[in-house]
Amino acid sequence: MPPDSNNVQSTLAVRVYYEDTDAGGVVFYANYLKFFERGRTEWLRRLGVNQSELAVTEQRIFVVKQLDTRYIKPAKLDDLLTINSQITRVGRASIDFFQCAELDGQRLCEGNIQICCVDANTLRPAALPDELKTLLEKVQV
């Protein structure tokens, strides 16, 4: 179920290329996860969060902990998709997103993705840096 539409949302346009499709000519299911990753990454970049810098200065990186994805309709070669991303929860060491891929306003795929913040050296869960947590909480509501 999509989160409340009052949450701040980020959008990213993604063109479907031949390399994104399977033998049937539709987007290979796992590629939606790549599109969603791009959506989250570009949103963070627009907020001023550089993940490479975060790994070096704070020793923090993000990994996918859990996801629940629903495939509704296929996307095809040359389609221009809109990837919508919303933060639904910010925890001590995690961020929950609702993301969907749409074509001309019609939902094709949607998912809830939980991202975990981990220590870059040990790969164990680690608290989000305070400044980042505050920033993400602001765009959550």
N, C-alpha and C. Protein backbone atom coordinates (compact mmCIF):
# COMPACT_ATOMS: atom_id res chain seq x y z
N MET A 1 0.85 -1.19 0.00
CA MET A 1 0.00 0.00 0.00
C MET A 1 0.89 1.24 0.00
N PRO A 2 0.68 2.17 -0.91
CA PRO A 2 1.49 3.38 -0.94
C PRO A 2 1.32 4.19 0.33
N PRO A 3 2.37 4.90 0.73
CA PRO A 3 2.28 5.76 1.90
C PRO A 3 1.42 6.98 1.63
N ASP A 4 1.16 7.74 2.65
CA ASP A 4 0.39 8.97 2.54
C ASP A 4 1.02 9.88 1.49
N SER A 5 0.21 10.44 0.62
CA SER A 5 0.73 11.26 -0.47
C SER A 5 1.24 12.62 -0.01
N ASN A 6 1.12 12.95 1.28
CA ASN A 6 1.65 14.21 1.79
C ASN A 6 3.16 14.15 1.97
N ASN A 7 3.74 12.95 1.96
CA ASN A 7 5.19 12.85 2.11
C ASN A 7 5.89 13.48 0.92
N VAL A 8 7.06 14.03 1.17
CA VAL A 8 7.86 14.61 0.09
C VAL A 8 8.28 13.48 -0.84
N GLN A 9 8.20 13.73 -2.13
CA GLN A 9 8.51 12.71 -3.12
C GLN A 9 9.59 13.21 -4.07
N SER A 10 10.42 12.30 -4.51
CA SER A 10 11.44 12.61 -5.51
C SER A 10 11.12 11.81 -6.77
N THR A 11 11.38 12.40 -7.93
CA THR A 11 11.15 11.69 -9.18
C THR A 11 12.43 11.68 -10.02
N LEU A 12 12.55 10.63 -10.81
CA LEU A 12 13.69 10.48 -11.72
C LEU A 12 13.18 9.83 -13.00
N ALA A 13 13.53 10.39 -14.14
CA ALA A 13 13.17 9.80 -15.43
C ALA A 13 14.22 8.76 -15.81
N VAL A 14 13.75 7.59 -16.25
CA VAL A 14 14.65 6.50 -16.66
C VAL A 14 14.14 5.94 -17.99
N ARG A 15 14.98 5.97 -18.99
CA ARG A 15 14.64 5.40 -20.30
C ARG A 15 14.97 3.91 -20.29
N VAL A 16 14.10 3.09 -20.86
CA VAL A 16 14.34 1.65 -20.97
C VAL A 16 15.17 1.40 -22.24
N TYR A 17 16.34 0.82 -22.04
CA TYR A 17 17.21 0.46 -23.15
C TYR A 17 17.14 -1.04 -23.42
N TYR A 18 17.66 -1.43 -24.56
CA TYR A 18 17.65 -2.83 -24.96
C TYR A 18 18.25 -3.71 -23.86
N GLU A 19 19.34 -3.24 -23.25
CA GLU A 19 20.02 -4.02 -22.21
C GLU A 19 19.15 -4.26 -20.98
N ASP A 20 18.07 -3.49 -20.82
CA ASP A 20 17.17 -3.63 -19.67
C ASP A 20 16.09 -4.68 -19.89
N THR A 21 15.96 -5.17 -21.13
CA THR A 21 14.86 -6.07 -21.45
C THR A 21 15.30 -7.53 -21.48
N ASP A 22 14.31 -8.41 -21.36
CA ASP A 22 14.57 -9.85 -21.43
C ASP A 22 14.24 -10.37 -22.83
N ALA A 23 14.25 -11.68 -22.99
CA ALA A 23 13.99 -12.28 -24.30
C ALA A 23 12.58 -11.98 -24.80
N GLY A 24 11.66 -11.66 -23.89
CA GLY A 24 10.30 -11.34 -24.29
C GLY A 24 10.10 -9.89 -24.66
N GLY A 25 11.17 -9.08 -24.55
CA GLY A 25 11.09 -7.68 -24.93
C GLY A 25 10.54 -6.75 -23.86
N VAL A 26 10.43 -7.26 -22.64
CA VAL A 26 9.97 -6.42 -21.53
C VAL A 26 11.10 -6.25 -20.52
N VAL A 27 10.97 -5.25 -19.64
CA VAL A 27 12.01 -5.01 -18.65
C VAL A 27 12.16 -6.25 -17.77
N PHE A 28 13.38 -6.72 -17.67
CA PHE A 28 13.71 -7.85 -16.79
C PHE A 28 13.42 -7.44 -15.36
N TYR A 29 12.75 -8.28 -14.61
CA TYR A 29 12.23 -7.91 -13.28
C TYR A 29 13.28 -7.30 -12.35
N ALA A 30 14.49 -7.82 -12.35
CA ALA A 30 15.53 -7.33 -11.44
C ALA A 30 15.97 -5.91 -11.79
N ASN A 31 15.75 -5.49 -13.02
CA ASN A 31 16.18 -4.15 -13.42
C ASN A 31 15.36 -3.05 -12.75
N TYR A 32 14.14 -3.36 -12.32
CA TYR A 32 13.38 -2.37 -11.55
C TYR A 32 14.13 -2.01 -10.28
N LEU A 33 14.81 -2.99 -9.68
CA LEU A 33 15.59 -2.72 -8.47
C LEU A 33 16.74 -1.77 -8.78
N LYS A 34 17.33 -1.90 -9.95
CA LYS A 34 18.38 -0.96 -10.38
C LYS A 34 17.80 0.44 -10.57
N PHE A 35 16.63 0.51 -11.18
CA PHE A 35 15.98 1.81 -11.38
C PHE A 35 15.67 2.45 -10.03
N PHE A 36 15.20 1.65 -9.08
CA PHE A 36 14.89 2.18 -7.74
C PHE A 36 16.16 2.65 -7.04
N GLU A 37 17.25 1.92 -7.21
CA GLU A 37 18.54 2.33 -6.63
C GLU A 37 18.95 3.69 -7.18
N ARG A 38 18.81 3.86 -8.48
CA ARG A 38 19.14 5.15 -9.10
C ARG A 38 18.27 6.26 -8.53
N GLY A 39 17.00 5.96 -8.34
CA GLY A 39 16.08 6.96 -7.78
C GLY A 39 16.51 7.40 -6.40
N ARG A 40 16.87 6.45 -5.53
CA ARG A 40 17.32 6.80 -4.18
C ARG A 40 18.63 7.56 -4.21
N THR A 41 19.57 7.10 -5.03
CA THR A 41 20.89 7.72 -5.10
C THR A 41 20.81 9.15 -5.62
N GLU A 42 20.04 9.37 -6.67
CA GLU A 42 19.94 10.71 -7.23
C GLU A 42 19.20 11.66 -6.28
N TRP A 43 18.23 11.14 -5.54
CA TRP A 43 17.53 11.97 -4.57
C TRP A 43 18.50 12.41 -3.49
N LEU A 44 19.30 11.47 -2.96
CA LEU A 44 20.30 11.84 -1.95
C LEU A 44 21.28 12.86 -2.51
N ARG A 45 21.68 12.67 -3.74
CA ARG A 45 22.62 13.61 -4.38
C ARG A 45 22.00 15.01 -4.44
N ARG A 46 20.71 15.10 -4.81
CA ARG A 46 20.02 16.40 -4.86
C ARG A 46 19.90 17.03 -3.49
N LEU A 47 19.87 16.21 -2.44
CA LEU A 47 19.81 16.72 -1.07
C LEU A 47 21.19 17.14 -0.56
N GLY A 48 22.24 16.88 -1.37
CA GLY A 48 23.59 17.24 -0.98
C GLY A 48 24.35 16.11 -0.30
N VAL A 49 23.82 14.90 -0.38
CA VAL A 49 24.48 13.75 0.25
C VAL A 49 25.27 13.00 -0.82
N ASN A 50 26.58 12.97 -0.65
CA ASN A 50 27.47 12.26 -1.55
C ASN A 50 27.86 10.95 -0.86
N GLN A 51 27.38 9.82 -1.39
CA GLN A 51 27.61 8.55 -0.72
C GLN A 51 29.08 8.14 -0.69
N SER A 52 29.84 8.49 -1.71
CA SER A 52 31.27 8.17 -1.70
C SER A 52 31.98 8.93 -0.59
N GLU A 53 31.60 10.21 -0.44
CA GLU A 53 32.19 11.04 0.60
C GLU A 53 31.78 10.53 2.00
N LEU A 54 30.53 10.13 2.13
CA LEU A 54 30.02 9.60 3.39
C LEU A 54 30.81 8.35 3.82
N ALA A 55 31.17 7.52 2.84
CA ALA A 55 31.94 6.31 3.13
C ALA A 55 33.33 6.65 3.66
N VAL A 56 33.92 7.72 3.14
CA VAL A 56 35.27 8.10 3.54
C VAL A 56 35.25 8.91 4.85
N THR A 57 34.41 9.91 4.92
CA THR A 57 34.44 10.82 6.08
C THR A 57 33.75 10.25 7.32
N GLU A 58 32.67 9.50 7.12
CA GLU A 58 31.90 8.97 8.25
C GLU A 58 32.01 7.45 8.38
N GLN A 59 32.67 6.81 7.41
CA GLN A 59 32.76 5.35 7.36
C GLN A 59 31.38 4.70 7.40
N ARG A 60 30.45 5.27 6.64
CA ARG A 60 29.08 4.76 6.57
C ARG A 60 28.70 4.51 5.12
N ILE A 61 28.11 3.32 4.89
CA ILE A 61 27.58 2.98 3.56
C ILE A 61 26.18 2.42 3.75
N PHE A 62 25.43 2.35 2.65
CA PHE A 62 24.06 1.84 2.69
C PHE A 62 23.97 0.50 1.98
N VAL A 63 23.21 -0.41 2.56
CA VAL A 63 22.94 -1.70 1.94
C VAL A 63 21.44 -1.97 2.02
N VAL A 64 20.93 -2.71 1.06
CA VAL A 64 19.53 -3.11 1.10
C VAL A 64 19.38 -4.24 2.11
N LYS A 65 18.49 -4.04 3.06
CA LYS A 65 18.25 -5.05 4.09
C LYS A 65 17.04 -5.91 3.74
N GLN A 66 16.00 -5.26 3.21
CA GLN A 66 14.76 -5.98 2.95
C GLN A 66 14.00 -5.28 1.84
N LEU A 67 13.27 -6.06 1.04
CA LEU A 67 12.41 -5.44 0.05
C LEU A 67 11.20 -6.31 -0.22
N ASP A 68 10.15 -5.63 -0.62
CA ASP A 68 8.89 -6.26 -0.99
C ASP A 68 8.45 -5.57 -2.27
N THR A 69 8.48 -6.30 -3.37
CA THR A 69 8.22 -5.70 -4.67
C THR A 69 7.01 -6.34 -5.34
N ARG A 70 6.20 -5.52 -5.96
CA ARG A 70 5.03 -6.00 -6.70
C ARG A 70 5.16 -5.53 -8.15
N TYR A 71 5.02 -6.49 -9.06
CA TYR A 71 5.07 -6.19 -10.49
C TYR A 71 3.64 -6.17 -11.00
N ILE A 72 3.25 -5.05 -11.62
CA ILE A 72 1.86 -4.85 -12.00
C ILE A 72 1.67 -4.96 -13.51
N LYS A 73 2.49 -4.24 -14.27
CA LYS A 73 2.41 -4.25 -15.74
C LYS A 73 3.83 -4.15 -16.28
N PRO A 74 4.07 -4.67 -17.47
CA PRO A 74 5.43 -4.62 -18.02
C PRO A 74 5.78 -3.27 -18.65
N ALA A 75 7.05 -2.94 -18.56
CA ALA A 75 7.61 -1.82 -19.31
C ALA A 75 8.36 -2.41 -20.49
N LYS A 76 8.48 -1.63 -21.55
CA LYS A 76 9.09 -2.14 -22.78
C LYS A 76 10.19 -1.20 -23.28
N LEU A 77 10.92 -1.69 -24.24
CA LEU A 77 12.00 -0.94 -24.87
C LEU A 77 11.53 0.46 -25.26
N ASP A 78 12.35 1.45 -24.94
CA ASP A 78 12.15 2.87 -25.26
C ASP A 78 11.15 3.59 -24.36
N ASP A 79 10.46 2.87 -23.47
CA ASP A 79 9.56 3.54 -22.54
C ASP A 79 10.36 4.52 -21.68
N LEU A 80 9.75 5.64 -21.37
CA LEU A 80 10.36 6.62 -20.46
C LEU A 80 9.60 6.52 -19.14
N LEU A 81 10.23 5.89 -18.18
CA LEU A 81 9.62 5.64 -16.88
C LEU A 81 9.88 6.79 -15.92
N THR A 82 8.98 6.97 -15.00
CA THR A 82 9.19 7.88 -13.90
C THR A 82 9.34 7.04 -12.64
N ILE A 83 10.47 7.22 -11.96
CA ILE A 83 10.71 6.52 -10.71
C ILE A 83 10.40 7.50 -9.58
N ASN A 84 9.40 7.16 -8.78
CA ASN A 84 9.00 7.97 -7.64
C ASN A 84 9.53 7.34 -6.37
N SER A 85 10.07 8.17 -5.49
CA SER A 85 10.65 7.68 -4.23
C SER A 85 10.14 8.53 -3.07
N GLN A 86 9.76 7.87 -2.00
CA GLN A 86 9.33 8.55 -0.78
C GLN A 86 9.95 7.85 0.42
N ILE A 87 10.41 8.62 1.38
CA ILE A 87 10.87 8.05 2.64
C ILE A 87 9.65 7.88 3.53
N THR A 88 9.45 6.67 4.03
CA THR A 88 8.30 6.40 4.89
C THR A 88 8.68 6.30 6.36
N ARG A 89 9.97 6.06 6.63
CA ARG A 89 10.42 5.98 8.02
C ARG A 89 11.93 6.15 8.06
N VAL A 90 12.39 6.87 9.07
CA VAL A 90 13.83 7.01 9.33
C VAL A 90 14.07 6.44 10.72
N GLY A 91 14.89 5.42 10.79
CA GLY A 91 15.24 4.81 12.08
C GLY A 91 16.63 5.22 12.52
N ARG A 92 17.11 4.62 13.57
CA ARG A 92 18.44 4.92 14.08
C ARG A 92 19.52 4.55 13.06
N ALA A 93 19.33 3.40 12.41
CA ALA A 93 20.33 2.93 11.44
C ALA A 93 19.68 2.46 10.13
N SER A 94 18.46 2.91 9.87
CA SER A 94 17.79 2.45 8.66
C SER A 94 16.88 3.54 8.08
N ILE A 95 16.57 3.36 6.80
CA ILE A 95 15.67 4.25 6.08
C ILE A 95 14.73 3.36 5.28
N ASP A 96 13.43 3.58 5.44
CA ASP A 96 12.43 2.84 4.67
C ASP A 96 11.92 3.73 3.55
N PHE A 97 11.86 3.16 2.35
CA PHE A 97 11.38 3.87 1.17
C PHE A 97 10.17 3.17 0.58
N PHE A 98 9.27 3.92 0.00
CA PHE A 98 8.28 3.40 -0.92
C PHE A 98 8.69 3.94 -2.27
N GLN A 99 8.82 3.05 -3.27
CA GLN A 99 9.21 3.48 -4.61
C GLN A 99 8.30 2.82 -5.63
N CYS A 100 8.10 3.53 -6.74
CA CYS A 100 7.32 2.94 -7.82
C CYS A 100 7.84 3.42 -9.16
N ALA A 101 7.59 2.60 -10.16
CA ALA A 101 7.92 2.95 -11.55
C ALA A 101 6.59 3.14 -12.26
N GLU A 102 6.47 4.28 -12.96
CA GLU A 102 5.24 4.60 -13.68
C GLU A 102 5.55 4.94 -15.13
N LEU A 103 4.57 4.69 -15.97
CA LEU A 103 4.64 5.08 -17.38
C LEU A 103 3.38 5.87 -17.67
N ASP A 104 3.54 7.13 -18.02
CA ASP A 104 2.40 8.02 -18.30
C ASP A 104 1.37 7.98 -17.17
N GLY A 105 1.85 7.99 -15.93
CA GLY A 105 0.97 8.01 -14.77
C GLY A 105 0.40 6.66 -14.38
N GLN A 106 0.71 5.63 -15.12
CA GLN A 106 0.21 4.29 -14.80
C GLN A 106 1.30 3.48 -14.09
N ARG A 107 0.98 2.97 -12.92
CA ARG A 107 1.95 2.24 -12.11
C ARG A 107 2.27 0.89 -12.73
N LEU A 108 3.58 0.62 -12.87
CA LEU A 108 4.04 -0.65 -13.43
C LEU A 108 4.63 -1.57 -12.37
N CYS A 109 5.32 -0.98 -11.40
CA CYS A 109 6.01 -1.75 -10.37
C CYS A 109 6.10 -0.87 -9.13
N GLU A 110 5.98 -1.50 -7.96
CA GLU A 110 6.10 -0.74 -6.71
C GLU A 110 6.77 -1.61 -5.67
N GLY A 111 7.39 -0.94 -4.70
CA GLY A 111 8.06 -1.71 -3.66
C GLY A 111 8.36 -0.90 -2.42
N ASN A 112 8.46 -1.62 -1.33
CA ASN A 112 8.94 -1.08 -0.06
C ASN A 112 10.35 -1.61 0.13
N ILE A 113 11.29 -0.72 0.31
CA ILE A 113 12.69 -1.09 0.42
C ILE A 113 13.25 -0.52 1.71
N GLN A 114 13.89 -1.39 2.51
CA GLN A 114 14.54 -0.93 3.73
C GLN A 114 16.04 -0.92 3.49
N ILE A 115 16.62 0.26 3.72
CA ILE A 115 18.06 0.45 3.57
C ILE A 115 18.67 0.51 4.97
N CYS A 116 19.76 -0.20 5.15
CA CYS A 116 20.44 -0.20 6.44
C CYS A 116 21.77 0.54 6.30
N CYS A 117 22.07 1.35 7.28
CA CYS A 117 23.35 2.06 7.33
C CYS A 117 24.33 1.14 8.07
N VAL A 118 25.48 0.89 7.46
CA VAL A 118 26.48 0.02 8.08
C VAL A 118 27.84 0.70 8.12
N ASP A 119 28.67 0.23 9.03
CA ASP A 119 30.05 0.69 9.12
C ASP A 119 30.80 0.17 7.89
N ALA A 120 31.48 1.04 7.18
CA ALA A 120 32.17 0.68 5.94
C ALA A 120 33.27 -0.36 6.16
N ASN A 121 33.81 -0.44 7.37
CA ASN A 121 34.90 -1.38 7.64
C ASN A 121 34.40 -2.73 8.13
N THR A 122 33.42 -2.73 9.00
CA THR A 122 32.95 -3.98 9.60
C THR A 122 31.69 -4.53 8.94
N LEU A 123 30.98 -3.69 8.19
CA LEU A 123 29.71 -4.02 7.56
C LEU A 123 28.64 -4.40 8.59
N ARG A 124 28.79 -3.91 9.80
CA ARG A 124 27.79 -4.11 10.85
C ARG A 124 26.90 -2.87 10.92
N PRO A 125 25.64 -3.03 11.33
CA PRO A 125 24.76 -1.87 11.44
C PRO A 125 25.39 -0.76 12.27
N ALA A 126 25.20 0.47 11.80
CA ALA A 126 25.76 1.66 12.47
C ALA A 126 24.75 2.80 12.35
N ALA A 127 24.72 3.64 13.35
CA ALA A 127 23.78 4.76 13.37
C ALA A 127 24.01 5.69 12.19
N LEU A 128 22.91 6.21 11.67
CA LEU A 128 23.02 7.26 10.66
C LEU A 128 23.70 8.47 11.31
N PRO A 129 24.59 9.14 10.61
CA PRO A 129 25.15 10.38 11.16
C PRO A 129 24.01 11.34 11.50
N ASP A 130 24.15 12.05 12.62
CA ASP A 130 23.08 12.92 13.11
C ASP A 130 22.59 13.92 12.07
N GLU A 131 23.51 14.57 11.38
CA GLU A 131 23.13 15.57 10.39
C GLU A 131 22.31 14.95 9.26
N LEU A 132 22.71 13.76 8.82
CA LEU A 132 21.99 13.06 7.76
C LEU A 132 20.61 12.63 8.25
N LYS A 133 20.54 12.11 9.45
CA LYS A 133 19.25 11.67 10.00
C LYS A 133 18.28 12.84 10.08
N THR A 134 18.75 13.98 10.55
CA THR A 134 17.91 15.17 10.64
C THR A 134 17.41 15.59 9.26
N LEU A 135 18.30 15.59 8.26
CA LEU A 135 17.93 15.95 6.90
C LEU A 135 16.85 15.00 6.36
N LEU A 136 17.04 13.71 6.55
CA LEU A 136 16.08 12.73 6.03
C LEU A 136 14.73 12.82 6.74
N GLU A 137 14.75 13.11 8.03
CA GLU A 137 13.50 13.27 8.76
C GLU A 137 12.71 14.47 8.23
N LYS A 138 13.41 15.50 7.78
CA LYS A 138 12.74 16.68 7.22
C LYS A 138 12.02 16.37 5.91
N VAL A 139 12.59 15.51 5.09
CA VAL A 139 11.95 15.17 3.81
C VAL A 139 10.98 14.02 3.93
N GLN A 140 10.94 13.40 5.11
CA GLN A 140 9.99 12.31 5.33
C GLN A 140 8.57 12.84 5.43
N VAL A 141 8.41 14.01 6.04
CA VAL A 141 7.04 14.52 6.26
C VAL A 141 6.78 15.73 5.40
